[in-house]
C-alpha atoms as a PDB file:
ATOM      1  CA  MET A   1     -13.011  30.444  20.500  1.00  0.00           C
ATOM      2  CA  THR A   2     -13.546  32.467  17.331  1.00  0.00           C
ATOM      3  CA  PRO A   3     -14.735  36.012  18.185  1.00  0.00           C
ATOM      4  CA  PRO A   4     -17.972  37.430  16.744  1.00  0.00           C
ATOM      5  CA  LEU A   5     -17.881  38.176  13.037  1.00  0.00           C
ATOM      6  CA  GLY A   6     -17.898  41.766  11.953  1.00  0.00           C
ATOM      7  CA  ASP A   7     -15.107  43.404  13.976  1.00  0.00           C
ATOM      8  CA  ILE A   8     -12.953  43.584  10.829  1.00  0.00           C
ATOM      9  CA  ALA A   9     -14.993  45.382   8.172  1.00  0.00           C
ATOM     10  CA  HIS A  10     -12.639  44.906   5.212  1.00  0.00           C
ATOM     11  CA  ILE A  11      -9.094  45.148   3.902  1.00  0.00           C
ATOM     12  CA  GLY A  12      -8.140  48.799   3.895  1.00  0.00           C
ATOM     13  CA  HIS A  13      -4.875  48.803   1.965  1.00  0.00           C
ATOM     14  CA  ALA A  14      -1.549  47.068   1.519  1.00  0.00           C
ATOM     15  CA  GLN A  15       1.999  48.397   1.514  1.00  0.00           C
ATOM     16  CA  LEU A  16       4.656  47.109  -0.858  1.00  0.00           C
ATOM     17  CA  PHE A  17       8.389  47.773  -0.814  1.00  0.00           C
ATOM     18  CA  THR A  18      10.102  48.385  -4.137  1.00  0.00           C
ATOM     19  CA  PRO A  19      13.712  49.005  -5.178  1.00  0.00           C
ATOM     20  CA  ASP A  20      12.480  51.068  -8.158  1.00  0.00           C
ATOM     21  CA  LEU A  21       9.822  53.439  -6.844  1.00  0.00           C
ATOM     22  CA  ASP A  22       9.358  55.437 -10.053  1.00  0.00           C
ATOM     23  CA  ALA A  23       8.897  52.331 -12.197  1.00  0.00           C
ATOM     24  CA  SER A  24       6.506  50.745  -9.684  1.00  0.00           C
ATOM     25  CA  VAL A  25       4.403  53.911  -9.561  1.00  0.00           C
ATOM     26  CA  ALA A  26       4.311  54.042 -13.366  1.00  0.00           C
ATOM     27  CA  PHE A  27       3.162  50.399 -13.479  1.00  0.00           C
ATOM     28  CA  CYS A  28       0.379  51.126 -10.997  1.00  0.00           C
ATOM     29  CA  THR A  29      -0.853  54.234 -12.780  1.00  0.00           C
ATOM     30  CA  ASP A  30      -0.305  53.350 -16.442  1.00  0.00           C
ATOM     31  CA  TYR A  31      -1.037  49.602 -16.347  1.00  0.00           C
ATOM     32  CA  LEU A  32      -3.337  49.048 -13.359  1.00  0.00           C
ATOM     33  CA  GLY A  33      -5.047  52.438 -13.717  1.00  0.00           C
ATOM     34  CA  LEU A  34      -4.540  53.595 -10.134  1.00  0.00           C
ATOM     35  CA  THR A  35      -4.429  57.282  -9.156  1.00  0.00           C
ATOM     36  CA  VAL A  36      -1.655  58.866  -7.102  1.00  0.00           C
ATOM     37  CA  ASN A  37      -3.148  60.546  -4.052  1.00  0.00           C
ATOM     38  CA  GLY A  38      -0.118  61.947  -2.271  1.00  0.00           C
ATOM     39  CA  GLN A  39       3.549  61.382  -1.521  1.00  0.00           C
ATOM     40  CA  GLN A  40       5.629  61.670   1.648  1.00  0.00           C
ATOM     41  CA  ASP A  41       9.381  61.395   1.073  1.00  0.00           C
ATOM     42  CA  ASP A  42       9.989  57.911  -0.394  1.00  0.00           C
ATOM     43  CA  THR A  43       6.377  56.720   0.031  1.00  0.00           C
ATOM     44  CA  VAL A  44       3.618  57.138  -2.581  1.00  0.00           C
ATOM     45  CA  TYR A  45      -0.096  56.649  -1.881  1.00  0.00           C
ATOM     46  CA  LEU A  46      -2.325  55.319  -4.666  1.00  0.00           C
ATOM     47  CA  ARG A  47      -6.012  54.483  -4.940  1.00  0.00           C
ATOM     48  CA  THR A  48      -8.352  52.364  -7.021  1.00  0.00           C
ATOM     49  CA  PHE A  49     -11.266  54.273  -8.484  1.00  0.00           C
ATOM     50  CA  ASP A  50     -13.940  52.557  -6.364  1.00  0.00           C
ATOM     51  CA  ASP A  51     -12.212  52.909  -2.997  1.00  0.00           C
ATOM     52  CA  TYR A  52     -13.989  55.246  -0.589  1.00  0.00           C
ATOM     53  CA  GLU A  53     -10.804  55.756   1.476  1.00  0.00           C
ATOM     54  CA  HIS A  54      -7.700  57.885   0.891  1.00  0.00           C
ATOM     55  CA  HIS A  55      -5.548  55.086  -0.528  1.00  0.00           C
ATOM     56  CA  SER A  56      -5.658  51.424  -1.535  1.00  0.00           C
ATOM     57  CA  LEU A  57      -1.932  50.827  -2.000  1.00  0.00           C
ATOM     58  CA  VAL A  58       1.217  52.263  -0.464  1.00  0.00           C
ATOM     59  CA  LEU A  59       4.536  52.007  -2.307  1.00  0.00           C
ATOM     60  CA  THR A  60       7.705  52.624  -0.301  1.00  0.00           C
ATOM     61  CA  ALA A  61      11.254  52.659  -1.644  1.00  0.00           C
ATOM     62  CA  ARG A  62      13.404  49.900  -0.117  1.00  0.00           C
ATOM     63  CA  GLU A  63      16.435  47.930  -1.234  1.00  0.00           C
ATOM     64  CA  ARG A  64      14.382  44.768  -1.798  1.00  0.00           C
ATOM     65  CA  PRO A  65      10.748  44.116  -2.781  1.00  0.00           C
ATOM     66  CA  GLY A  66       8.263  42.631  -0.355  1.00  0.00           C
ATOM     67  CA  LEU A  67       5.405  43.387   1.966  1.00  0.00           C
ATOM     68  CA  GLY A  68       5.175  46.265   4.398  1.00  0.00           C
ATOM     69  CA  ARG A  69       1.863  46.208   6.255  1.00  0.00           C
ATOM     70  CA  LEU A  70      -1.665  45.041   5.637  1.00  0.00           C
ATOM     71  CA  ALA A  71      -4.152  47.570   7.017  1.00  0.00           C
ATOM     72  CA  LEU A  72      -7.575  46.382   8.181  1.00  0.00           C
ATOM     73  CA  ARG A  73     -10.444  48.721   8.967  1.00  0.00           C
ATOM     74  CA  THR A  74     -12.651  47.715  11.868  1.00  0.00           C
ATOM     75  CA  SER A  75     -16.413  48.155  11.970  1.00  0.00           C
ATOM     76  CA  SER A  76     -16.309  50.665  14.859  1.00  0.00           C
ATOM     77  CA  GLU A  77     -14.082  52.168  17.531  1.00  0.00           C
ATOM     78  CA  GLU A  78     -15.420  49.557  19.955  1.00  0.00           C
ATOM     79  CA  ALA A  79     -14.515  46.795  17.484  1.00  0.00           C
ATOM     80  CA  LEU A  80     -10.985  48.197  17.232  1.00  0.00           C
ATOM     81  CA  GLN A  81     -10.587  48.090  20.991  1.00  0.00           C
ATOM     82  CA  ARG A  82     -11.940  44.523  21.085  1.00  0.00           C
ATOM     83  CA  ARG A  83      -9.401  43.354  18.533  1.00  0.00           C
ATOM     84  CA  VAL A  84      -6.568  45.148  20.366  1.00  0.00           C
ATOM     85  CA  SER A  85      -7.611  43.402  23.569  1.00  0.00           C
ATOM     86  CA  SER A  86      -7.783  40.097  21.689  1.00  0.00           C
ATOM     87  CA  VAL A  87      -4.227  40.527  20.403  1.00  0.00           C
ATOM     88  CA  GLU A  88      -2.893  41.281  23.861  1.00  0.00           C
ATOM     89  CA  GLU A  89      -4.894  38.547  25.589  1.00  0.00           C
ATOM     90  CA  ALA A  90      -3.390  36.088  23.106  1.00  0.00           C
ATOM     91  CA  GLY A  91       0.086  37.148  24.201  1.00  0.00           C
ATOM     92  CA  GLY A  92       0.753  39.481  21.306  1.00  0.00           C
ATOM     93  CA  SER A  93       1.857  43.090  21.410  1.00  0.00           C
ATOM     94  CA  GLY A  94       1.492  46.192  19.316  1.00  0.00           C
ATOM     95  CA  ARG A  95       2.067  49.911  19.099  1.00  0.00           C
ATOM     96  CA  TRP A  96      -0.129  52.899  18.268  1.00  0.00           C
ATOM     97  CA  VAL A  97       0.937  55.134  15.369  1.00  0.00           C
ATOM     98  CA  GLU A  98      -0.549  57.959  13.303  1.00  0.00           C
ATOM     99  CA  ASP A  99       1.627  57.839  10.213  1.00  0.00           C
ATOM    100  CA  GLU A 100      -0.731  57.623   7.209  1.00  0.00           C
ATOM    101  CA  PRO A 101      -2.725  60.400   5.522  1.00  0.00           C
ATOM    102  CA  GLY A 102      -6.492  60.169   5.687  1.00  0.00           C
ATOM    103  CA  LEU A 103      -6.426  57.853   8.697  1.00  0.00           C
ATOM    104  CA  GLY A 104      -6.497  58.253  12.451  1.00  0.00           C
ATOM    105  CA  LYS A 105      -4.570  56.093  14.894  1.00  0.00           C
ATOM    106  CA  LEU A 106      -3.478  52.617  13.823  1.00  0.00           C
ATOM    107  CA  TYR A 107      -2.654  49.697  16.100  1.00  0.00           C
ATOM    108  CA  VAL A 108       0.289  47.891  14.506  1.00  0.00           C
ATOM    109  CA  THR A 109       0.932  44.267  15.404  1.00  0.00           C
ATOM    110  CA  THR A 110       2.158  41.116  13.638  1.00  0.00           C
ATOM    111  CA  ASP A 111       0.946  37.625  12.930  1.00  0.00           C
ATOM    112  CA  PRO A 112       3.110  34.701  14.161  1.00  0.00           C
ATOM    113  CA  ASP A 113       5.123  34.809  10.938  1.00  0.00           C
ATOM    114  CA  GLY A 114       6.006  38.479  11.390  1.00  0.00           C
ATOM    115  CA  HIS A 115       3.714  39.988   8.736  1.00  0.00           C
ATOM    116  CA  GLU A 116       2.744  43.446   9.945  1.00  0.00           C
ATOM    117  CA  HIS A 117      -0.978  44.172  10.401  1.00  0.00           C
ATOM    118  CA  ALA A 118      -2.418  47.596  11.184  1.00  0.00           C
ATOM    119  CA  LEU A 119      -5.912  47.877  12.665  1.00  0.00           C
ATOM    120  CA  TYR A 120      -7.802  51.178  12.528  1.00  0.00           C
ATOM    121  CA  TRP A 121     -11.252  52.750  12.624  1.00  0.00           C
ATOM    122  CA  GLU A 122     -10.931  56.478  11.885  1.00  0.00           C
ATOM    123  CA  SER A 123     -10.880  57.141   8.131  1.00  0.00           C
ATOM    124  CA  GLU A 124     -11.688  60.137   5.958  1.00  0.00           C
ATOM    125  CA  HIS A 125     -13.916  59.493   2.964  1.00  0.00           C
ATOM    126  CA  TYR A 126     -12.280  60.464  -0.316  1.00  0.00           C
ATOM    127  CA  GLU A 127     -13.430  63.641  -2.051  1.00  0.00           C
ATOM    128  CA  ALA A 128     -12.500  63.588  -5.735  1.00  0.00           C
ATOM    129  CA  PRO A 129     -11.074  66.771  -7.263  1.00  0.00           C
ATOM    130  CA  GLU A 130     -12.986  68.309 -10.151  1.00  0.00           C
ATOM    131  CA  GLU A 131     -11.005  66.466 -12.837  1.00  0.00           C
ATOM    132  CA  LEU A 132     -11.737  63.078 -11.199  1.00  0.00           C
ATOM    133  CA  ARG A 133     -15.320  63.728 -10.156  1.00  0.00           C
ATOM    134  CA  PRO A 134     -17.717  60.947 -11.270  1.00  0.00           C
ATOM    135  CA  ALA A 135     -21.018  61.476 -13.021  1.00  0.00           C
ATOM    136  CA  LEU A 136     -22.767  59.237 -10.478  1.00  0.00           C
ATOM    137  CA  LYS A 137     -22.776  60.534  -6.907  1.00  0.00           C
ATOM    138  CA  ASN A 138     -22.566  57.039  -5.381  1.00  0.00           C
ATOM    139  CA  GLN A 139     -19.160  56.403  -6.997  1.00  0.00           C
ATOM    140  CA  PRO A 140     -16.080  57.862  -5.240  1.00  0.00           C
ATOM    141  CA  GLN A 141     -14.121  58.644  -8.400  1.00  0.00           C
ATOM    142  CA  ALA A 142     -14.565  58.589 -12.155  1.00  0.00           C
ATOM    143  CA  LYS A 143     -13.417  55.410 -13.854  1.00  0.00           C
ATOM    144  CA  PRO A 144      -9.866  55.711 -15.194  1.00  0.00           C
ATOM    145  CA  ASN A 145      -9.346  56.179 -18.916  1.00  0.00           C
ATOM    146  CA  ARG A 146      -6.081  54.224 -18.920  1.00  0.00           C
ATOM    147  CA  GLY A 147      -4.807  50.754 -18.136  1.00  0.00           C
ATOM    148  CA  VAL A 148      -6.828  47.900 -16.704  1.00  0.00           C
ATOM    149  CA  GLY A 149      -8.864  50.127 -14.396  1.00  0.00           C
ATOM    150  CA  VAL A 150      -8.960  47.813 -11.379  1.00  0.00           C
ATOM    151  CA  ARG A 151     -11.872  48.384  -9.025  1.00  0.00           C
ATOM    152  CA  ARG A 152     -10.479  47.499  -5.578  1.00  0.00           C
ATOM    153  CA  LEU A 153      -7.754  45.756  -3.625  1.00  0.00           C
ATOM    154  CA  ASP A 154      -9.242  42.277  -3.338  1.00  0.00           C
ATOM    155  CA  HIS A 155      -6.994  40.038  -1.222  1.00  0.00           C
ATOM    156  CA  ILE A 156      -3.474  39.277  -0.050  1.00  0.00           C
ATOM    157  CA  ASN A 157      -1.624  35.968  -0.089  1.00  0.00           C
ATOM    158  CA  PHE A 158       1.055  35.627   2.579  1.00  0.00           C
ATOM    159  CA  LEU A 159       3.857  33.083   2.466  1.00  0.00           C
ATOM    160  CA  ALA A 160       4.291  31.476   5.886  1.00  0.00           C
ATOM    161  CA  ALA A 161       6.633  29.088   7.663  1.00  0.00           C
ATOM    162  CA  ASP A 162       3.631  27.704   9.588  1.00  0.00           C
ATOM    163  CA  VAL A 163       0.329  28.090   7.768  1.00  0.00           C
ATOM    164  CA  LEU A 164      -1.845  26.732  10.564  1.00  0.00           C
ATOM    165  CA  ALA A 165      -0.427  29.002  13.286  1.00  0.00           C
ATOM    166  CA  ASN A 166      -0.975  32.083  11.145  1.00  0.00           C
ATOM    167  CA  ALA A 167      -4.443  31.037   9.997  1.00  0.00           C
ATOM    168  CA  GLU A 168      -5.459  30.466  13.608  1.00  0.00           C
ATOM    169  CA  PHE A 169      -4.211  33.970  14.443  1.00  0.00           C
ATOM    170  CA  GLN A 170      -6.601  35.313  11.812  1.00  0.00           C
ATOM    171  CA  GLN A 171      -9.440  33.156  13.134  1.00  0.00           C
ATOM    172  CA  ASN A 172      -8.982  33.348  16.896  1.00  0.00           C
ATOM    173  CA  VAL A 173      -7.528  36.843  17.251  1.00  0.00           C
ATOM    174  CA  LEU A 174      -8.944  38.852  14.330  1.00  0.00           C
ATOM    175  CA  GLY A 175     -12.173  36.912  13.759  1.00  0.00           C
ATOM    176  CA  ALA A 176     -11.748  35.643  10.207  1.00  0.00           C
ATOM    177  CA  ARG A 177     -13.618  32.574   8.920  1.00  0.00           C
ATOM    178  CA  PRO A 178     -11.746  29.821   7.047  1.00  0.00           C
ATOM    179  CA  THR A 179     -13.403  28.841   3.770  1.00  0.00           C
ATOM    180  CA  GLU A 180     -11.003  26.478   1.963  1.00  0.00           C
ATOM    181  CA  GLN A 181      -7.664  24.771   2.652  1.00  0.00           C
ATOM    182  CA  ILE A 182      -5.094  22.306   1.310  1.00  0.00           C
ATOM    183  CA  ARG A 183      -4.091  19.366   3.516  1.00  0.00           C
ATOM    184  CA  LEU A 184      -1.052  17.326   2.477  1.00  0.00           C
ATOM    185  CA  ASP A 185      -0.885  13.569   2.871  1.00  0.00           C
ATOM    186  CA  SER A 186       1.282  14.137   5.959  1.00  0.00           C
ATOM    187  CA  GLY A 187      -1.606  16.022   7.574  1.00  0.00           C
ATOM    188  CA  LYS A 188       0.154  19.384   7.288  1.00  0.00           C
ATOM    189  CA  ILE A 189      -2.002  22.339   6.239  1.00  0.00           C
ATOM    190  CA  ALA A 190      -0.232  23.759   3.194  1.00  0.00           C
ATOM    191  CA  ALA A 191      -2.606  26.663   2.547  1.00  0.00           C
ATOM    192  CA  ARG A 192      -5.756  28.178   4.023  1.00  0.00           C
ATOM    193  CA  TRP A 193      -8.129  30.837   2.661  1.00  0.00           C
ATOM    194  CA  LEU A 194      -9.993  33.077   5.125  1.00  0.00           C
ATOM    195  CA  THR A 195     -12.543  35.867   4.989  1.00  0.00           C
ATOM    196  CA  TYR A 196     -13.535  38.761   7.271  1.00  0.00           C
ATOM    197  CA  THR A 197     -16.685  39.438   5.258  1.00  0.00           C
ATOM    198  CA  ASN A 198     -19.103  37.676   2.889  1.00  0.00           C
ATOM    199  CA  LYS A 199     -16.415  37.545   0.211  1.00  0.00           C
ATOM    200  CA  SER A 200     -15.106  34.019  -0.231  1.00  0.00           C
ATOM    201  CA  TYR A 201     -11.631  35.137   0.877  1.00  0.00           C
ATOM    202  CA  ASP A 202      -9.690  38.210   1.960  1.00  0.00           C
ATOM    203  CA  VAL A 203      -6.411  36.681   3.131  1.00  0.00           C
ATOM    204  CA  VAL A 204      -4.543  33.489   2.265  1.00  0.00           C
ATOM    205  CA  TYR A 205      -1.585  31.759   3.891  1.00  0.00           C
ATOM    206  CA  THR A 206       0.552  29.545   1.657  1.00  0.00           C
ATOM    207  CA  SER A 207       3.401  27.381   2.904  1.00  0.00           C
ATOM    208  CA  ASP A 208       6.832  28.830   2.109  1.00  0.00           C
ATOM    209  CA  TRP A 209       8.976  25.916   0.953  1.00  0.00           C
ATOM    210  CA  THR A 210      12.138  27.707   2.170  1.00  0.00           C
ATOM    211  CA  GLY A 211      10.838  27.799   5.737  1.00  0.00           C
ATOM    212  CA  SER A 212      11.308  31.568   5.761  1.00  0.00           C
ATOM    213  CA  ALA A 213       8.983  33.855   7.696  1.00  0.00           C
ATOM    214  CA  GLY A 214       7.279  37.102   6.752  1.00  0.00           C
ATOM    215  CA  ARG A 215       7.377  36.874   2.972  1.00  0.00           C
ATOM    216  CA  LEU A 216       4.738  37.729   0.361  1.00  0.00           C
ATOM    217  CA  HIS A 217       3.217  35.567  -2.351  1.00  0.00           C
ATOM    218  CA  HIS A 218       1.072  38.258  -3.988  1.00  0.00           C
ATOM    219  CA  ILE A 219      -1.502  40.995  -3.625  1.00  0.00           C
ATOM    220  CA  ALA A 220      -4.590  40.983  -5.849  1.00  0.00           C
ATOM    221  CA  PHE A 221      -6.763  43.635  -7.459  1.00  0.00           C
ATOM    222  CA  ALA A 222     -10.321  42.916  -8.603  1.00  0.00           C
ATOM    223  CA  THR A 223     -11.723  43.767 -12.012  1.00  0.00           C
ATOM    224  CA  ASP A 224     -15.333  44.195 -13.088  1.00  0.00           C
ATOM    225  CA  THR A 225     -15.440  41.263 -15.504  1.00  0.00           C
ATOM    226  CA  ARG A 226     -13.517  38.236 -16.732  1.00  0.00           C
ATOM    227  CA  GLU A 227     -13.086  40.050 -20.033  1.00  0.00           C
ATOM    228  CA  ASP A 228     -11.019  42.652 -18.158  1.00  0.00           C
ATOM    229  CA  ILE A 229      -8.528  39.902 -17.273  1.00  0.00           C
ATOM    230  CA  LEU A 230      -8.124  39.023 -20.956  1.00  0.00           C
ATOM    231  CA  ARG A 231      -7.679  42.705 -21.790  1.00  0.00           C
ATOM    232  CA  ALA A 232      -5.094  42.983 -18.999  1.00  0.00           C
ATOM    233  CA  ALA A 233      -3.093  40.197 -20.641  1.00  0.00           C
ATOM    234  CA  ASP A 234      -3.165  42.029 -23.981  1.00  0.00           C
ATOM    235  CA  LEU A 235      -2.113  45.277 -22.305  1.00  0.00           C
ATOM    236  CA  ALA A 236       0.724  43.458 -20.537  1.00  0.00           C
ATOM    237  CA  ILE A 237       2.112  42.167 -23.831  1.00  0.00           C
ATOM    238  CA  ASP A 238       1.839  45.598 -25.444  1.00  0.00           C
ATOM    239  CA  SER A 239       3.495  47.415 -22.521  1.00  0.00           C
ATOM    240  CA  GLY A 240       6.213  44.910 -21.632  1.00  0.00           C
ATOM    241  CA  VAL A 241       4.690  43.745 -18.330  1.00  0.00           C
ATOM    242  CA  PHE A 242       5.922  40.253 -17.424  1.00  0.00           C
ATOM    243  CA  ILE A 243       3.152  37.621 -17.366  1.00  0.00           C
ATOM    244  CA  GLU A 244       3.937  34.711 -15.083  1.00  0.00           C
ATOM    245  CA  THR A 245       0.823  32.636 -15.777  1.00  0.00           C
ATOM    246  CA  GLY A 246      -2.741  32.929 -16.981  1.00  0.00           C
ATOM    247  CA  PRO A 247      -5.285  34.075 -17.892  1.00  0.00           C
ATOM    248  CA  HIS A 248      -6.794  31.046 -16.234  1.00  0.00           C
ATOM    249  CA  LYS A 249      -9.137  29.907 -13.481  1.00  0.00           C
ATOM    250  CA  HIS A 250      -8.176  28.731 -10.011  1.00  0.00           C
ATOM    251  CA  ALA A 251      -9.791  25.501  -8.873  1.00  0.00           C
ATOM    252  CA  ILE A 252      -9.771  26.692  -5.270  1.00  0.00           C
ATOM    253  CA  GLN A 253     -12.186  29.655  -4.916  1.00  0.00           C
ATOM    254  CA  GLN A 254     -12.849  29.578  -8.714  1.00  0.00           C
ATOM    255  CA  THR A 255     -11.209  32.945  -9.323  1.00  0.00           C
ATOM    256  CA  PHE A 256     -10.437  33.914 -12.933  1.00  0.00           C
ATOM    257  CA  PHE A 257      -6.923  35.352 -12.776  1.00  0.00           C
ATOM    258  CA  LEU A 258      -3.696  36.645 -14.305  1.00  0.00           C
ATOM    259  CA  TYR A 259      -0.329  36.769 -12.495  1.00  0.00           C
ATOM    260  CA  VAL A 260       2.063  39.540 -13.496  1.00  0.00           C
ATOM    261  CA  TYR A 261       5.133  41.151 -11.925  1.00  0.00           C
ATOM    262  CA  GLU A 262       5.498  44.852 -11.297  1.00  0.00           C
ATOM    263  CA  PRO A 263       8.966  46.339 -12.023  1.00  0.00           C
ATOM    264  CA  GLY A 264      10.046  46.314  -8.374  1.00  0.00           C
ATOM    265  CA  GLY A 265       9.741  42.526  -8.240  1.00  0.00           C
ATOM    266  CA  ASN A 266       6.402  41.981  -6.486  1.00  0.00           C
ATOM    267  CA  ARG A 267       3.854  39.552  -7.914  1.00  0.00           C
ATOM    268  CA  ILE A 268       0.476  41.125  -8.644  1.00  0.00           C
ATOM    269  CA  GLU A 269      -2.686  39.163  -9.341  1.00  0.00           C
ATOM    270  CA  LEU A 270      -5.512  40.574 -11.413  1.00  0.00           C
ATOM    271  CA  CYS A 271      -8.632  38.673 -10.503  1.00  0.00           C
ATOM    272  CA  ASN A 272     -12.323  38.406 -11.125  1.00  0.00           C
ATOM    273  CA  PRO A 273     -13.878  36.312  -8.352  1.00  0.00           C
ATOM    274  CA  LEU A 274     -17.184  35.936 -10.237  1.00  0.00           C
ATOM    275  CA  THR A 275     -18.986  37.719  -7.393  1.00  0.00           C
ATOM    276  CA  ARG A 276     -18.664  34.473  -5.408  1.00  0.00           C
ATOM    277  CA  LEU A 277     -19.925  35.102  -1.883  1.00  0.00           C
ATOM    278  CA  VAL A 278     -20.084  33.046   1.289  1.00  0.00           C
ATOM    279  CA  LEU A 279     -23.606  33.694   2.527  1.00  0.00           C
ATOM    280  CA  ALA A 280     -24.143  30.544   4.605  1.00  0.00           C
ATOM    281  CA  PRO A 281     -23.514  31.247   8.310  1.00  0.00           C
ATOM    282  CA  ASP A 282     -22.547  27.579   8.700  1.00  0.00           C
ATOM    283  CA  TRP A 283     -20.261  27.404   5.642  1.00  0.00           C
ATOM    284  CA  PRO A 284     -18.158  24.209   5.882  1.00  0.00           C
ATOM    285  CA  LEU A 285     -14.370  24.399   5.572  1.00  0.00           C
ATOM    286  CA  ILE A 286     -13.625  22.791   2.191  1.00  0.00           C
ATOM    287  CA  THR A 287     -10.449  20.693   2.225  1.00  0.00           C
ATOM    288  CA  TRP A 288      -8.445  19.825  -0.895  1.00  0.00           C
ATOM    289  CA  THR A 289      -6.108  16.846  -0.801  1.00  0.00           C
ATOM    290  CA  GLU A 290      -2.558  16.679  -2.088  1.00  0.00           C
ATOM    291  CA  GLU A 291      -3.669  14.462  -4.951  1.00  0.00           C
ATOM    292  CA  GLU A 292      -6.464  16.852  -5.932  1.00  0.00           C
ATOM    293  CA  ARG A 293      -4.030  19.763  -5.865  1.00  0.00           C
ATOM    294  CA  LYS A 294      -1.657  17.935  -8.231  1.00  0.00           C
ATOM    295  CA  LYS A 295      -4.335  18.138 -10.908  1.00  0.00           C
ATOM    296  CA  GLY A 296      -3.533  21.846 -11.212  1.00  0.00           C
ATOM    297  CA  GLN A 297      -5.906  24.712 -11.819  1.00  0.00           C
ATOM    298  CA  ALA A 298      -9.539  24.375 -12.868  1.00  0.00           C
ATOM    299  CA  TRP A 299      -8.662  23.661 -16.508  1.00  0.00           C
ATOM    300  CA  GLY A 300      -5.456  21.752 -15.839  1.00  0.00           C
ATOM    301  CA  LEU A 301      -2.807  24.500 -15.939  1.00  0.00           C
ATOM    302  CA  LYS A 302       0.080  23.710 -13.596  1.00  0.00           C
ATOM    303  CA  THR A 303      -0.217  25.450 -10.234  1.00  0.00           C
ATOM    304  CA  ILE A 304       2.347  28.169  -9.484  1.00  0.00           C
ATOM    305  CA  GLU A 305       4.406  26.922  -6.552  1.00  0.00           C
ATOM    306  CA  SER A 306       5.257  29.110  -3.574  1.00  0.00           C
ATOM    307  CA  PHE A 307       8.959  29.229  -4.430  1.00  0.00           C
ATOM    308  CA  HIS A 308       8.166  31.684  -7.234  1.00  0.00           C
ATOM    309  CA  THR A 309       8.186  34.622  -4.857  1.00  0.00           C
ATOM    310  CA  HIS A 310       9.145  38.274  -4.945  1.00  0.00           C
ATOM    311  CA  GLY A 311      12.458  38.965  -6.594  1.00  0.00           C
ATOM    312  CA  THR A 312      13.636  38.954 -10.193  1.00  0.00           C
ATOM    313  CA  PRO A 313      10.858  37.510 -12.375  1.00  0.00           C
ATOM    314  CA  PRO A 314      11.658  34.289 -14.264  1.00  0.00           C
ATOM    315  CA  VAL A 315      13.050  34.780 -17.752  1.00  0.00           C
ATOM    316  CA  ALA A 316      10.326  34.380 -20.358  1.00  0.00           C
END
């Protein structure tokens, strides 16, 4: 049975591994417009301008690119304890850590595919220094004067060996709602989009054609407007950022998007979800068939397959 909605308040932040920490940080600050908000050894903490928390993204130096953890803030301490109990009642396990600035204790567990999730409640609200102080008191930080100027971390797309098992972990253990999915002619669920909130999606699971577990498809940052996506494409060309596809519009979820690669080898999506919200409490799960998916994106562009994953970007 799906637990009550609201225990997971929102995506807190994501962690990426990168073999070139300096270049990845430069991409995030100069191109995306993020702000560095601390460093501990080989880990750098960065934030989008509209995030009320300490950081939105964590970059950690590793030999290969990929995903570290996805951190989810709960709606209360009681909600955190409910989700911990749910994990353990489902046969899962976890550990308590206090290893990130600006946050209290985190309960670290994994989905069936091995993607690390951290659940937490305690969080310090960001106080901007004088040089980053906004003119409007209801904005955490002044808008950046460089790069795309992304507003928030929007969603994460996991690659999975078994999409259904992982999606049901999100639904039955963490309390997410499924909104859209792809069902192949064989009956296999090839992808499922889920939300913790009234956004149309926060997490996605996409089938990994290699059968591997624990890999990443992409993380996505939201912009204010669709025009920002077009500007991001121009900035990418001018600054040597590799564009994989787009600007374009997804058929599923209708997100206007651009896929680029950061220098460490992780795919980054810039997206404008058109403020699409799921407000209906009885929202039906929308299923796309294999034949419908073959038609490509909303305007016919070929869909990027899941085998284009983190690693060396394709040669342009």
